[in-house]
C-alpha cells in the first residue's frame, strides 16, 4: 500500500496505489493525506480497506507531493572524508555542525544540517 496525491497542482486528491499498480481514489475515505492520516491508527484503518471496492483511476494522472501541508523538512546526513568534496559544493559552511570523530573513517566526520523549503519539495 502506497499513499499518493494526484491531480492538478494545488488541487491534488488523495489516492492509494495497490499491489496491482493501479491508483484508486481515496477522497471518499479521507479528505486529504496529511499528518492525521499518517498516524499509526489511521494507517491501520487504511490498510484494512478493500482496494477492489475503491474507484480505480483511468489514464496516468499527475502525482503531486505525497503529503499535504508540509511545514518544513530538515535533512540530516553525515559528511565523511569520502563525501566531503561533494558535500562542500552542495552546502554552505555555516550550515554544518561541529566536527566529531568517526569510528568508520580516519579523519573528521561532520553532520550536515539543511532546511528544505516546501516549494522545493512540491515544485510550486
PDB file of N, CA and C in Angstrom:
ATOM      1  N   UNK A   1       0.846  -1.179   0.000  1.00  0.00           N
ATOM      2  CA  UNK A   1       0.000   0.000   0.000  1.00  0.00           C
ATOM      3  C   UNK A   1       0.890   1.241   0.000  1.00  0.00           C
ATOM      4  N   UNK A   2       0.647   2.106  -0.969  1.00  0.00           N
ATOM      5  CA  UNK A   2       1.360   3.381  -1.030  1.00  0.00           C
ATOM      6  C   UNK A   2       0.320   4.485  -1.174  1.00  0.00           C
ATOM      7  N   UNK A   3       0.416   5.482  -0.312  1.00  0.00           N
ATOM      8  CA  UNK A   3      -0.492   6.616  -0.386  1.00  0.00           C
ATOM      9  C   UNK A   3       0.068   7.635  -1.376  1.00  0.00           C
ATOM     10  N   UNK A   4      -0.801   8.185  -2.194  1.00  0.00           N
ATOM     11  CA  UNK A   4      -0.393   9.170  -3.195  1.00  0.00           C
ATOM     12  C   UNK A   4      -1.382  10.326  -3.190  1.00  0.00           C
ATOM     13  N   UNK A   5      -0.969  11.419  -3.781  1.00  0.00           N
ATOM     14  CA  UNK A   5      -1.873  12.538  -4.062  1.00  0.00           C
ATOM     15  C   UNK A   5      -1.739  12.812  -5.547  1.00  0.00           C
ATOM     16  N   UNK A   6      -2.850  12.909  -6.226  1.00  0.00           N
ATOM     17  CA  UNK A   6      -2.831  13.044  -7.674  1.00  0.00           C
ATOM     18  C   UNK A   6      -3.721  14.198  -8.106  1.00  0.00           C
ATOM     19  N   UNK A   7      -3.508  14.674  -9.320  1.00  0.00           N
ATOM     20  CA  UNK A   7      -4.323  15.747  -9.874  1.00  0.00           C
ATOM     21  C   UNK A   7      -3.499  16.983 -10.176  1.00  0.00           C
ATOM     22  N   UNK A   8      -4.205  18.047 -10.548  1.00  0.00           N
ATOM     23  CA  UNK A   8      -3.534  19.306 -10.884  1.00  0.00           C
ATOM     24  C   UNK A   8      -2.858  19.898  -9.652  1.00  0.00           C
ATOM     25  N   UNK A   9      -1.767  20.624  -9.878  1.00  0.00           N
ATOM     26  CA  UNK A   9      -1.025  21.256  -8.790  1.00  0.00           C
ATOM     27  C   UNK A   9      -1.933  22.189  -8.004  1.00  0.00           C
ATOM     28  N   UNK A  10      -1.945  22.020  -6.698  1.00  0.00           N
ATOM     29  CA  UNK A  10      -2.784  22.840  -5.832  1.00  0.00           C
ATOM     30  C   UNK A  10      -4.178  22.273  -5.628  1.00  0.00           C
ATOM     31  N   UNK A  11      -4.550  21.260  -6.399  1.00  0.00           N
ATOM     32  CA  UNK A  11      -5.879  20.634  -6.267  1.00  0.00           C
ATOM     33  C   UNK A  11      -5.752  19.111  -6.224  1.00  0.00           C
ATOM     34  N   UNK A  12      -4.685  18.629  -5.595  1.00  0.00           N
ATOM     35  CA  UNK A  12      -4.461  17.190  -5.528  1.00  0.00           C
ATOM     36  C   UNK A  12      -5.524  16.505  -4.675  1.00  0.00           C
ATOM     37  N   UNK A  13      -5.799  15.266  -5.019  1.00  0.00           N
ATOM     38  CA  UNK A  13      -6.762  14.436  -4.292  1.00  0.00           C
ATOM     39  C   UNK A  13      -6.028  13.233  -3.723  1.00  0.00           C
ATOM     40  N   UNK A  14      -6.526  12.667  -2.623  1.00  0.00           N
ATOM     41  CA  UNK A  14      -5.854  11.507  -2.040  1.00  0.00           C
ATOM     42  C   UNK A  14      -6.133  10.240  -2.835  1.00  0.00           C
ATOM     43  N   UNK A  15      -5.141   9.387  -2.904  1.00  0.00           N
ATOM     44  CA  UNK A  15      -5.283   8.123  -3.595  1.00  0.00           C
ATOM     45  C   UNK A  15      -4.413   7.067  -2.947  1.00  0.00           C
ATOM     46  N   UNK A  16      -4.577   5.844  -3.412  1.00  0.00           N
ATOM     47  CA  UNK A  16      -3.792   4.727  -2.895  1.00  0.00           C
ATOM     48  C   UNK A  16      -3.349   3.874  -4.072  1.00  0.00           C
ATOM     49  N   UNK A  17      -2.096   3.485  -4.050  1.00  0.00           N
ATOM     50  CA  UNK A  17      -1.531   2.642  -5.095  1.00  0.00           C
ATOM     51  C   UNK A  17      -1.466   1.232  -4.536  1.00  0.00           C
ATOM     52  N   UNK A  18      -2.211   0.321  -5.149  1.00  0.00           N
ATOM     53  CA  UNK A  18      -2.265  -1.050  -4.669  1.00  0.00           C
ATOM     54  C   UNK A  18      -1.139  -1.908  -5.214  1.00  0.00           C
ATOM     55  N   UNK A  19      -1.121  -3.168  -4.788  1.00  0.00           N
ATOM     56  CA  UNK A  19      -0.122  -4.130  -5.239  1.00  0.00           C
ATOM     57  C   UNK A  19      -0.194  -4.349  -6.750  1.00  0.00           C
ATOM     58  N   UNK A  20      -1.385  -4.129  -7.336  1.00  0.00           N
ATOM     59  CA  UNK A  20      -1.568  -4.339  -8.774  1.00  0.00           C
ATOM     60  C   UNK A  20      -1.068  -3.162  -9.612  1.00  0.00           C
ATOM     61  N   UNK A  21      -0.588  -2.091  -8.960  1.00  0.00           N
ATOM     62  CA  UNK A  21      -0.063  -0.927  -9.673  1.00  0.00           C
ATOM     63  C   UNK A  21      -1.131   0.058 -10.113  1.00  0.00           C
ATOM     64  N   UNK A  22      -2.364  -0.132  -9.658  1.00  0.00           N
ATOM     65  CA  UNK A  22      -3.477   0.748 -10.028  1.00  0.00           C
ATOM     66  C   UNK A  22      -3.710   1.762  -8.911  1.00  0.00           C
ATOM     67  N   UNK A  23      -3.836   3.037  -9.290  1.00  0.00           N
ATOM     68  CA  UNK A  23      -4.152   4.079  -8.318  1.00  0.00           C
ATOM     69  C   UNK A  23      -5.661   4.135  -8.161  1.00  0.00           C
ATOM     70  N   UNK A  24      -6.111   4.168  -6.908  1.00  0.00           N
ATOM     71  CA  UNK A  24      -7.548   4.228  -6.611  1.00  0.00           C
ATOM     72  C   UNK A  24      -7.844   5.479  -5.797  1.00  0.00           C
ATOM     73  N   UNK A  25      -9.022   6.027  -6.002  1.00  0.00           N
ATOM     74  CA  UNK A  25      -9.446   7.265  -5.352  1.00  0.00           C
ATOM     75  C   UNK A  25      -9.761   7.024  -3.880  1.00  0.00           C
ATOM     76  N   UNK A  26      -9.175   7.821  -2.996  1.00  0.00           N
ATOM     77  CA  UNK A  26      -9.427   7.734  -1.549  1.00  0.00           C
ATOM     78  C   UNK A  26     -10.232   8.921  -1.027  1.00  0.00           C
ATOM     79  N   UNK A  27     -10.703   9.793  -1.908  1.00  0.00           N
ATOM     80  CA  UNK A  27     -11.343  11.023  -1.449  1.00  0.00           C
ATOM     81  C   UNK A  27     -12.645  10.781  -0.700  1.00  0.00           C
ATOM     82  N   UNK A  28     -13.271   9.624  -0.872  1.00  0.00           N
ATOM     83  CA  UNK A  28     -14.497   9.315  -0.124  1.00  0.00           C
ATOM     84  C   UNK A  28     -14.178   8.721   1.246  1.00  0.00           C
ATOM     85  N   UNK A  29     -12.897   8.390   1.468  1.00  0.00           N
ATOM     86  CA  UNK A  29     -12.474   7.789   2.739  1.00  0.00           C
ATOM     87  C   UNK A  29     -11.794   8.818   3.631  1.00  0.00           C
ATOM     88  N   UNK A  30     -10.872   9.607   3.052  1.00  0.00           N
ATOM     89  CA  UNK A  30     -10.144  10.646   3.801  1.00  0.00           C
ATOM     90  C   UNK A  30     -10.188  11.950   2.998  1.00  0.00           C
ATOM     91  N   UNK A  31     -10.210  13.096   3.676  1.00  0.00           N
ATOM     92  CA  UNK A  31     -10.260  14.369   2.952  1.00  0.00           C
ATOM     93  C   UNK A  31      -8.962  14.683   2.209  1.00  0.00           C
ATOM     94  N   UNK A  32      -7.835  14.283   2.768  1.00  0.00           N
ATOM     95  CA  UNK A  32      -6.523  14.504   2.156  1.00  0.00           C
ATOM     96  C   UNK A  32      -5.530  13.640   2.913  1.00  0.00           C
ATOM     97  N   UNK A  33      -4.300  13.587   2.453  1.00  0.00           N
ATOM     98  CA  UNK A  33      -3.264  12.830   3.144  1.00  0.00           C
ATOM     99  C   UNK A  33      -2.351  13.825   3.837  1.00  0.00           C
ATOM    100  N   UNK A  34      -2.465  13.855   5.152  1.00  0.00           N
ATOM    101  CA  UNK A  34      -1.678  14.763   5.976  1.00  0.00           C
ATOM    102  C   UNK A  34      -1.210  14.046   7.225  1.00  0.00           C
ATOM    103  N   UNK A  35      -0.860  14.796   8.223  1.00  0.00           N
ATOM    104  CA  UNK A  35      -0.335  14.229   9.460  1.00  0.00           C
ATOM    105  C   UNK A  35      -1.334  13.283  10.127  1.00  0.00           C
ATOM    106  N   UNK A  36      -2.622  13.616  10.115  1.00  0.00           N
ATOM    107  CA  UNK A  36      -3.627  12.773  10.768  1.00  0.00           C
ATOM    108  C   UNK A  36      -3.739  11.401  10.103  1.00  0.00           C
ATOM    109  N   UNK A  37      -3.585  11.353   8.781  1.00  0.00           N
ATOM    110  CA  UNK A  37      -3.707  10.091   8.069  1.00  0.00           C
ATOM    111  C   UNK A  37      -2.429   9.254   8.139  1.00  0.00           C
ATOM    112  N   UNK A  38      -1.350   9.824   8.644  1.00  0.00           N
ATOM    113  CA  UNK A  38      -0.098   9.091   8.768  1.00  0.00           C
ATOM    114  C   UNK A  38       0.141   8.573  10.180  1.00  0.00           C
ATOM    115  N   UNK A  39      -0.824   8.757  11.058  1.00  0.00           N
ATOM    116  CA  UNK A  39      -0.702   8.222  12.415  1.00  0.00           C
ATOM    117  C   UNK A  39      -0.829   6.695  12.354  1.00  0.00           C
ATOM    118  N   UNK A  40      -0.271   5.978  13.314  1.00  0.00           N
ATOM    119  CA  UNK A  40      -0.354   4.516  13.293  1.00  0.00           C
ATOM    120  C   UNK A  40      -1.788   3.985  13.216  1.00  0.00           C
ATOM    121  N   UNK A  41      -2.713   4.594  13.978  1.00  0.00           N
ATOM    122  CA  UNK A  41      -4.107   4.132  13.960  1.00  0.00           C
ATOM    123  C   UNK A  41      -4.752   4.341  12.596  1.00  0.00           C
ATOM    124  N   UNK A  42      -4.528   5.515  12.001  1.00  0.00           N
ATOM    125  CA  UNK A  42      -5.118   5.802  10.694  1.00  0.00           C
ATOM    126  C   UNK A  42      -4.532   4.900   9.613  1.00  0.00           C
ATOM    127  N   UNK A  43      -3.234   4.632   9.676  1.00  0.00           N
ATOM    128  CA  UNK A  43      -2.621   3.743   8.696  1.00  0.00           C
ATOM    129  C   UNK A  43      -3.146   2.317   8.833  1.00  0.00           C
ATOM    130  N   UNK A  44      -3.413   1.890  10.057  1.00  0.00           N
ATOM    131  CA  UNK A  44      -4.003   0.560  10.275  1.00  0.00           C
ATOM    132  C   UNK A  44      -5.380   0.492   9.636  1.00  0.00           C
ATOM    133  N   UNK A  45      -6.188   1.543   9.805  1.00  0.00           N
ATOM    134  CA  UNK A  45      -7.516   1.576   9.194  1.00  0.00           C
ATOM    135  C   UNK A  45      -7.435   1.581   7.669  1.00  0.00           C
ATOM    136  N   UNK A  46      -6.496   2.341   7.121  1.00  0.00           N
ATOM    137  CA  UNK A  46      -6.341   2.378   5.669  1.00  0.00           C
ATOM    138  C   UNK A  46      -5.879   1.025   5.122  1.00  0.00           C
ATOM    139  N   UNK A  47      -5.040   0.317   5.877  1.00  0.00           N
ATOM    140  CA  UNK A  47      -4.556  -0.994   5.434  1.00  0.00           C
ATOM    141  C   UNK A  47      -5.681  -2.025   5.393  1.00  0.00           C
ATOM    142  N   UNK A  48      -6.732  -1.813   6.183  1.00  0.00           N
ATOM    143  CA  UNK A  48      -7.861  -2.745   6.217  1.00  0.00           C
ATOM    144  C   UNK A  48      -8.844  -2.541   5.067  1.00  0.00           C
ATOM    145  N   UNK A  49      -8.667  -1.463   4.297  1.00  0.00           N
ATOM    146  CA  UNK A  49      -9.595  -1.171   3.199  1.00  0.00           C
ATOM    147  C   UNK A  49      -9.552  -2.249   2.130  1.00  0.00           C
ATOM    148  N   UNK A  50     -10.708  -2.532   1.539  1.00  0.00           N
ATOM    149  CA  UNK A  50     -10.787  -3.413   0.380  1.00  0.00           C
ATOM    150  C   UNK A  50     -10.546  -2.545  -0.857  1.00  0.00           C
ATOM    151  N   UNK A  51      -9.351  -2.633  -1.418  1.00  0.00           N
ATOM    152  CA  UNK A  51      -8.997  -1.754  -2.537  1.00  0.00           C
ATOM    153  C   UNK A  51      -9.848  -2.016  -3.771  1.00  0.00           C
ATOM    154  N   UNK A  52     -10.338  -3.230  -3.920  1.00  0.00           N
ATOM    155  CA  UNK A  52     -11.170  -3.549  -5.083  1.00  0.00           C
ATOM    156  C   UNK A  52     -12.480  -2.770  -5.060  1.00  0.00           C
ATOM    157  N   UNK A  53     -12.935  -2.350  -3.865  1.00  0.00           N
ATOM    158  CA  UNK A  53     -14.179  -1.598  -3.748  1.00  0.00           C
ATOM    159  C   UNK A  53     -13.997  -0.116  -4.081  1.00  0.00           C
ATOM    160  N   UNK A  54     -12.753   0.351  -4.144  1.00  0.00           N
ATOM    161  CA  UNK A  54     -12.481   1.755  -4.436  1.00  0.00           C
ATOM    162  C   UNK A  54     -12.412   1.983  -5.940  1.00  0.00           C
ATOM    163  N   UNK A  55     -12.791   3.174  -6.364  1.00  0.00           N
ATOM    164  CA  UNK A  55     -12.821   3.537  -7.788  1.00  0.00           C
ATOM    165  C   UNK A  55     -11.401   3.651  -8.350  1.00  0.00           C
ATOM    166  N   UNK A  56     -11.042   2.826  -9.361  1.00  0.00           N
ATOM    167  CA  UNK A  56      -9.718   2.979  -9.974  1.00  0.00           C
ATOM    168  C   UNK A  56      -9.687   4.205 -10.883  1.00  0.00           C
ATOM    169  N   UNK A  57      -8.517   4.816 -10.995  1.00  0.00           N
ATOM    170  CA  UNK A  57      -8.355   5.982 -11.865  1.00  0.00           C
ATOM    171  C   UNK A  57      -8.022   5.517 -13.272  1.00  0.00           C
ATOM    172  N   UNK A  58      -8.502   6.251 -14.235  1.00  0.00           N
ATOM    173  CA  UNK A  58      -8.162   5.938 -15.619  1.00  0.00           C
ATOM    174  C   UNK A  58      -7.004   6.819 -16.074  1.00  0.00           C
ATOM    175  N   UNK A  59      -6.224   6.310 -17.002  1.00  0.00           N
ATOM    176  CA  UNK A  59      -5.099   7.077 -17.511  1.00  0.00           C
ATOM    177  C   UNK A  59      -3.944   7.122 -16.528  1.00  0.00           C
ATOM    178  N   UNK A  60      -3.085   8.105 -16.721  1.00  0.00           N
ATOM    179  CA  UNK A  60      -1.931   8.288 -15.833  1.00  0.00           C
ATOM    180  C   UNK A  60      -1.968   9.705 -15.282  1.00  0.00           C
ATOM    181  N   UNK A  61      -2.621   9.894 -14.135  1.00  0.00           N
ATOM    182  CA  UNK A  61      -2.723  11.241 -13.571  1.00  0.00           C
ATOM    183  C   UNK A  61      -1.379  11.737 -13.054  1.00  0.00           C
ATOM    184  N   UNK A  62      -1.259  13.057 -12.951  1.00  0.00           N
ATOM    185  CA  UNK A  62      -0.071  13.678 -12.381  1.00  0.00           C
ATOM    186  C   UNK A  62      -0.013  13.345 -10.900  1.00  0.00           C
ATOM    187  N   UNK A  63       1.156  12.902 -10.425  1.00  0.00           N
ATOM    188  CA  UNK A  63       1.347  12.645  -8.999  1.00  0.00           C
ATOM    189  C   UNK A  63       1.965  13.875  -8.363  1.00  0.00           C
ATOM    190  N   UNK A  64       1.380  14.329  -7.268  1.00  0.00           N
ATOM    191  CA  UNK A  64       1.881  15.501  -6.568  1.00  0.00           C
ATOM    192  C   UNK A  64       2.673  15.117  -5.342  1.00  0.00           C
ATOM    193  N   UNK A  65       2.928  16.095  -4.507  1.00  0.00           N
ATOM    194  CA  UNK A  65       3.606  15.857  -3.239  1.00  0.00           C
ATOM    195  C   UNK A  65       2.755  14.880  -2.434  1.00  0.00           C
ATOM    196  N   UNK A  66       3.318  13.798  -1.899  1.00  0.00           N
ATOM    197  CA  UNK A  66       2.507  12.763  -1.257  1.00  0.00           C
ATOM    198  C   UNK A  66       1.838  13.172   0.050  1.00  0.00           C
ATOM    199  N   UNK A  67       2.305  14.237   0.687  1.00  0.00           N
ATOM    200  CA  UNK A  67       1.729  14.669   1.963  1.00  0.00           C
ATOM    201  C   UNK A  67       1.340  16.138   1.863  1.00  0.00           C
ATOM    202  N   UNK A  68       0.135  16.459   2.297  1.00  0.00           N
ATOM    203  CA  UNK A  68      -0.360  17.836   2.253  1.00  0.00           C
ATOM    204  C   UNK A  68       0.186  18.646   3.427  1.00  0.00           C
ATOM    205  N   UNK A  69       0.271  19.934   3.237  1.00  0.00           N
ATOM    206  CA  UNK A  69       0.609  20.903   4.284  1.00  0.00           C
ATOM    207  C   UNK A  69       1.930  20.587   4.988  1.00  0.00           C
ATOM    208  N   UNK A  70       2.988  20.442   4.208  1.00  0.00           N
ATOM    209  CA  UNK A  70       4.311  20.241   4.792  1.00  0.00           C
ATOM    210  C   UNK A  70       4.815  21.601   5.255  1.00  0.00           C
ATOM    211  N   UNK A  71       5.144  21.717   6.515  1.00  0.00           N
ATOM    212  CA  UNK A  71       5.652  22.980   7.039  1.00  0.00           C
ATOM    213  C   UNK A  71       7.108  23.172   6.696  1.00  0.00           C
ATOM    214  N   UNK A  72       7.945  22.242   7.124  1.00  0.00           N
ATOM    215  CA  UNK A  72       9.358  22.284   6.807  1.00  0.00           C
ATOM    216  C   UNK A  72       9.915  20.871   6.891  1.00  0.00           C
ATOM    217  N   UNK A  73      10.974  20.659   6.177  1.00  0.00           N
ATOM    218  CA  UNK A  73      11.625  19.355   6.135  1.00  0.00           C
ATOM    219  C   UNK A  73      13.099  19.581   6.398  1.00  0.00           C
ATOM    220  N   UNK A  74      13.623  18.937   7.412  1.00  0.00           N
ATOM    221  CA  UNK A  74      15.027  19.112   7.764  1.00  0.00           C
ATOM    222  C   UNK A  74      15.762  17.826   7.445  1.00  0.00           C
ATOM    223  N   UNK A  75      16.791  17.914   6.612  1.00  0.00           N
ATOM    224  CA  UNK A  75      17.588  16.748   6.262  1.00  0.00           C
ATOM    225  C   UNK A  75      18.885  16.741   7.042  1.00  0.00           C
ATOM    226  N   UNK A  76      19.234  15.586   7.598  1.00  0.00           N
ATOM    227  CA  UNK A  76      20.468  15.450   8.364  1.00  0.00           C
ATOM    228  C   UNK A  76      21.247  14.278   7.783  1.00  0.00           C
ATOM    229  N   UNK A  77      22.506  14.488   7.495  1.00  0.00           N
ATOM    230  CA  UNK A  77      23.342  13.428   6.942  1.00  0.00           C
ATOM    231  C   UNK A  77      24.767  13.560   7.424  1.00  0.00           C
ATOM    232  N   UNK A  78      25.552  12.530   7.191  1.00  0.00           N
ATOM    233  CA  UNK A  78      26.950  12.522   7.626  1.00  0.00           C
ATOM    234  C   UNK A  78      27.857  12.978   6.505  1.00  0.00           C
ATOM    235  N   UNK A  79      28.872  13.712   6.874  1.00  0.00           N
ATOM    236  CA  UNK A  79      29.909  14.115   5.930  1.00  0.00           C
ATOM    237  C   UNK A  79      31.176  13.384   6.352  1.00  0.00           C
ATOM    238  N   UNK A  80      31.731  12.617   5.453  1.00  0.00           N
ATOM    239  CA  UNK A  80      32.957  11.869   5.728  1.00  0.00           C
ATOM    240  C   UNK A  80      34.049  12.376   4.789  1.00  0.00           C
ATOM    241  N   UNK A  81      35.291  11.955   4.999  1.00  0.00           N
ATOM    242  CA  UNK A  81      36.350  12.373   4.062  1.00  0.00           C
ATOM    243  C   UNK A  81      36.052  11.954   2.616  1.00  0.00           C
ATOM    244  N   UNK A  82      35.294  10.898   2.440  1.00  0.00           N
ATOM    245  CA  UNK A  82      34.975  10.428   1.091  1.00  0.00           C
ATOM    246  C   UNK A  82      33.963  11.358   0.419  1.00  0.00           C
ATOM    247  N   UNK A  83      32.945  11.800   1.165  1.00  0.00           N
ATOM    248  CA  UNK A  83      31.886  12.625   0.586  1.00  0.00           C
ATOM    249  C   UNK A  83      32.091  14.116   0.798  1.00  0.00           C
ATOM    250  N   UNK A  84      33.148  14.497   1.511  1.00  0.00           N
ATOM    251  CA  UNK A  84      33.346  15.903   1.849  1.00  0.00           C
ATOM    252  C   UNK A  84      33.422  16.828   0.633  1.00  0.00           C
ATOM    253  N   UNK A  85      34.176  16.498  -0.423  1.00  0.00           N
ATOM    254  CA  UNK A  85      34.212  17.428  -1.562  1.00  0.00           C
ATOM    255  C   UNK A  85      32.838  17.667  -2.187  1.00  0.00           C
ATOM    256  N   UNK A  86      32.046  16.604  -2.317  1.00  0.00           N
ATOM    257  CA  UNK A  86      30.707  16.755  -2.898  1.00  0.00           C
ATOM    258  C   UNK A  86      29.817  17.561  -1.957  1.00  0.00           C
ATOM    259  N   UNK A  87      29.862  17.240  -0.672  1.00  0.00           N
ATOM    260  CA  UNK A  87      29.035  17.950   0.301  1.00  0.00           C
ATOM    261  C   UNK A  87      29.429  19.416   0.401  1.00  0.00           C
ATOM    262  N   UNK A  88      30.710  19.689   0.312  1.00  0.00           N
ATOM    263  CA  UNK A  88      31.180  21.074   0.415  1.00  0.00           C
ATOM    264  C   UNK A  88      30.640  21.912  -0.734  1.00  0.00           C
ATOM    265  N   UNK A  89      30.530  21.319  -1.908  1.00  0.00           N
ATOM    266  CA  UNK A  89      29.978  22.052  -3.046  1.00  0.00           C
ATOM    267  C   UNK A  89      28.478  22.286  -2.882  1.00  0.00           C
ATOM    268  N   UNK A  90      27.772  21.372  -2.214  1.00  0.00           N
ATOM    269  CA  UNK A  90      26.314  21.458  -2.124  1.00  0.00           C
ATOM    270  C   UNK A  90      25.808  22.310  -0.970  1.00  0.00           C
ATOM    271  N   UNK A  91      26.583  22.440   0.084  1.00  0.00           N
ATOM    272  CA  UNK A  91      26.093  23.186   1.241  1.00  0.00           C
ATOM    273  C   UNK A  91      27.056  24.303   1.609  1.00  0.00           C
ATOM    274  N   UNK A  92      26.545  25.229   2.383  1.00  0.00           N
ATOM    275  CA  UNK A  92      27.383  26.337   2.844  1.00  0.00           C
ATOM    276  C   UNK A  92      28.074  25.938   4.144  1.00  0.00           C
ATOM    277  N   UNK A  93      29.282  26.415   4.380  1.00  0.00           N
ATOM    278  CA  UNK A  93      29.996  26.041   5.606  1.00  0.00           C
ATOM    279  C   UNK A  93      29.255  26.423   6.881  1.00  0.00           C
ATOM    280  N   UNK A  94      28.493  27.505   6.860  1.00  0.00           N
ATOM    281  CA  UNK A  94      27.826  27.935   8.096  1.00  0.00           C
ATOM    282  C   UNK A  94      26.640  27.048   8.455  1.00  0.00           C
ATOM    283  N   UNK A  95      26.260  26.109   7.600  1.00  0.00           N
ATOM    284  CA  UNK A  95      25.158  25.206   7.918  1.00  0.00           C
ATOM    285  C   UNK A  95      25.651  23.870   8.453  1.00  0.00           C
ATOM    286  N   UNK A  96      26.948  23.661   8.520  1.00  0.00           N
ATOM    287  CA  UNK A  96      27.478  22.411   9.051  1.00  0.00           C
ATOM    288  C   UNK A  96      27.631  22.525  10.558  1.00  0.00           C
ATOM    289  N   UNK A  97      27.426  21.413  11.234  1.00  0.00           N
ATOM    290  CA  UNK A  97      27.590  21.379  12.681  1.00  0.00           C
ATOM    291  C   UNK A  97      29.064  21.112  12.994  1.00  0.00           C
ATOM    292  N   UNK A  98      29.408  21.080  14.260  1.00  0.00           N
ATOM    293  CA  UNK A  98      30.805  20.911  14.635  1.00  0.00           C
ATOM    294  C   UNK A  98      31.296  19.500  14.304  1.00  0.00           C
ATOM    295  N   UNK A  99      32.589  19.352  13.943  1.00  0.00           N
ATOM    296  CA  UNK A  99      33.125  18.034  13.607  1.00  0.00           C
ATOM    297  C   UNK A  99      33.162  17.118  14.824  1.00  0.00           C
ATOM    298  N   UNK A 100      33.008  15.824  14.544  1.00  0.00           N
ATOM    299  CA  UNK A 100      33.159  14.827  15.597  1.00  0.00           C
ATOM    300  C   UNK A 100      33.914  13.638  15.009  1.00  0.00           C
ATOM    301  N   UNK A 101      34.611  12.855  15.829  1.00  0.00           N
ATOM    302  CA  UNK A 101      35.391  11.751  15.281  1.00  0.00           C
ATOM    303  C   UNK A 101      34.484  10.654  14.707  1.00  0.00           C
ATOM    304  N   UNK A 102      34.974   9.969  13.686  1.00  0.00           N
ATOM    305  CA  UNK A 102      34.225   8.907  13.038  1.00  0.00           C
ATOM    306  C   UNK A 102      34.833   7.551  13.364  1.00  0.00           C
ATOM    307  N   UNK A 103      34.036   6.579  13.811  1.00  0.00           N
ATOM    308  CA  UNK A 103      34.591   5.253  14.097  1.00  0.00           C
ATOM    309  C   UNK A 103      34.933   4.480  12.818  1.00  0.00           C
ATOM    310  N   UNK A 104      34.290   4.788  11.690  1.00  0.00           N
ATOM    311  CA  UNK A 104      34.494   4.034  10.451  1.00  0.00           C
ATOM    312  C   UNK A 104      35.564   4.634   9.549  1.00  0.00           C
ATOM    313  N   UNK A 105      35.774   5.923   9.629  1.00  0.00           N
ATOM    314  CA  UNK A 105      36.705   6.591   8.727  1.00  0.00           C
ATOM    315  C   UNK A 105      37.798   7.280   9.525  1.00  0.00           C
ATOM    316  N   UNK A 106      38.984   7.307   8.953  1.00  0.00           N
ATOM    317  CA  UNK A 106      40.055   8.072   9.585  1.00  0.00           C
ATOM    318  C   UNK A 106      39.857   9.529   9.215  1.00  0.00           C
ATOM    319  N   UNK A 107      39.859  10.362  10.162  1.00  0.00           N
ATOM    320  CA  UNK A 107      39.647  11.780   9.907  1.00  0.00           C
ATOM    321  C   UNK A 107      38.312  12.225  10.490  1.00  0.00           C
ATOM    322  N   UNK A 108      38.022  13.506  10.373  1.00  0.00           N
ATOM    323  CA  UNK A 108      36.808  14.036  10.999  1.00  0.00           C
ATOM    324  C   UNK A 108      35.549  13.671  10.220  1.00  0.00           C
ATOM    325  N   UNK A 109      34.455  13.644  10.926  1.00  0.00           N
ATOM    326  CA  UNK A 109      33.155  13.486  10.293  1.00  0.00           C
ATOM    327  C   UNK A 109      32.265  14.580  10.860  1.00  0.00           C
ATOM    328  N   UNK A 110      31.496  15.223  10.010  1.00  0.00           N
ATOM    329  CA  UNK A 110      30.598  16.281  10.446  1.00  0.00           C
ATOM    330  C   UNK A 110      29.178  15.877  10.111  1.00  0.00           C
ATOM    331  N   UNK A 111      28.242  16.473  10.777  1.00  0.00           N
ATOM    332  CA  UNK A 111      26.847  16.266  10.449  1.00  0.00           C
ATOM    333  C   UNK A 111      26.367  17.485   9.684  1.00  0.00           C
ATOM    334  N   UNK A 112      25.812  17.258   8.530  1.00  0.00           N
ATOM    335  CA  UNK A 112      25.315  18.345   7.698  1.00  0.00           C
ATOM    336  C   UNK A 112      23.840  18.556   7.996  1.00  0.00           C
ATOM    337  N   UNK A 113      23.458  19.789   8.294  1.00  0.00           N
ATOM    338  CA  UNK A 113      22.065  20.115   8.578  1.00  0.00           C
ATOM    339  C   UNK A 113      21.576  21.066   7.496  1.00  0.00           C
ATOM    340  N   UNK A 114      20.469  20.718   6.843  1.00  0.00           N
ATOM    341  CA  UNK A 114      19.946  21.609   5.814  1.00  0.00           C
ATOM    342  C   UNK A 114      18.429  21.688   5.921  1.00  0.00           C
ATOM    343  N   UNK A 115      17.893  22.791   5.505  1.00  0.00           N
ATOM    344  CA  UNK A 115      16.458  23.032   5.554  1.00  0.00           C
ATOM    345  C   UNK A 115      15.927  23.085   4.133  1.00  0.00           C
ATOM    346  N   UNK A 116      14.888  22.309   3.859  1.00  0.00           N
ATOM    347  CA  UNK A 116      14.258  22.322   2.537  1.00  0.00           C
ATOM    348  C   UNK A 116      12.937  23.077   2.641  1.00  0.00           C
ATOM    349  N   UNK A 117      12.764  24.050   1.802  1.00  0.00           N
ATOM    350  CA  UNK A 117      11.542  24.843   1.781  1.00  0.00           C
ATOM    351  C   UNK A 117      10.458  24.054   1.043  1.00  0.00           C
ATOM    352  N   UNK A 118       9.204  24.195   1.471  1.00  0.00           N
ATOM    353  CA  UNK A 118       8.105  23.421   0.905  1.00  0.00           C
ATOM    354  C   UNK A 118       8.030  23.532  -0.613  1.00  0.00           C
ATOM    355  N   UNK A 119       8.257  24.718  -1.158  1.00  0.00           N
ATOM    356  CA  UNK A 119       8.143  24.893  -2.602  1.00  0.00           C
ATOM    357  C   UNK A 119       9.192  24.070  -3.351  1.00  0.00           C
ATOM    358  N   UNK A 120      10.323  23.769  -2.714  1.00  0.00           N
ATOM    359  CA  UNK A 120      11.349  22.946  -3.346  1.00  0.00           C
ATOM    360  C   UNK A 120      10.890  21.486  -3.408  1.00  0.00           C
ATOM    361  N   UNK A 121      10.032  21.079  -2.463  1.00  0.00           N
ATOM    362  CA  UNK A 121       9.542  19.701  -2.450  1.00  0.00           C
ATOM    363  C   UNK A 121       8.357  19.524  -3.400  1.00  0.00           C
ATOM    364  N   UNK A 122       7.497  20.500  -3.485  1.00  0.00           N
ATOM    365  CA  UNK A 122       6.280  20.358  -4.276  1.00  0.00           C
ATOM    366  C   UNK A 122       6.421  20.882  -5.692  1.00  0.00           C
ATOM    367  N   UNK A 123       7.441  21.671  -5.957  1.00  0.00           N
ATOM    368  CA  UNK A 123       7.638  22.220  -7.291  1.00  0.00           C
ATOM    369  C   UNK A 123       6.800  23.444  -7.584  1.00  0.00           C
ATOM    370  N   UNK A 124       6.145  24.007  -6.566  1.00  0.00           N
ATOM    371  CA  UNK A 124       5.325  25.200  -6.778  1.00  0.00           C
ATOM    372  C   UNK A 124       6.104  26.431  -6.418  1.00  0.00           C
TER     373      UNK A 124
END
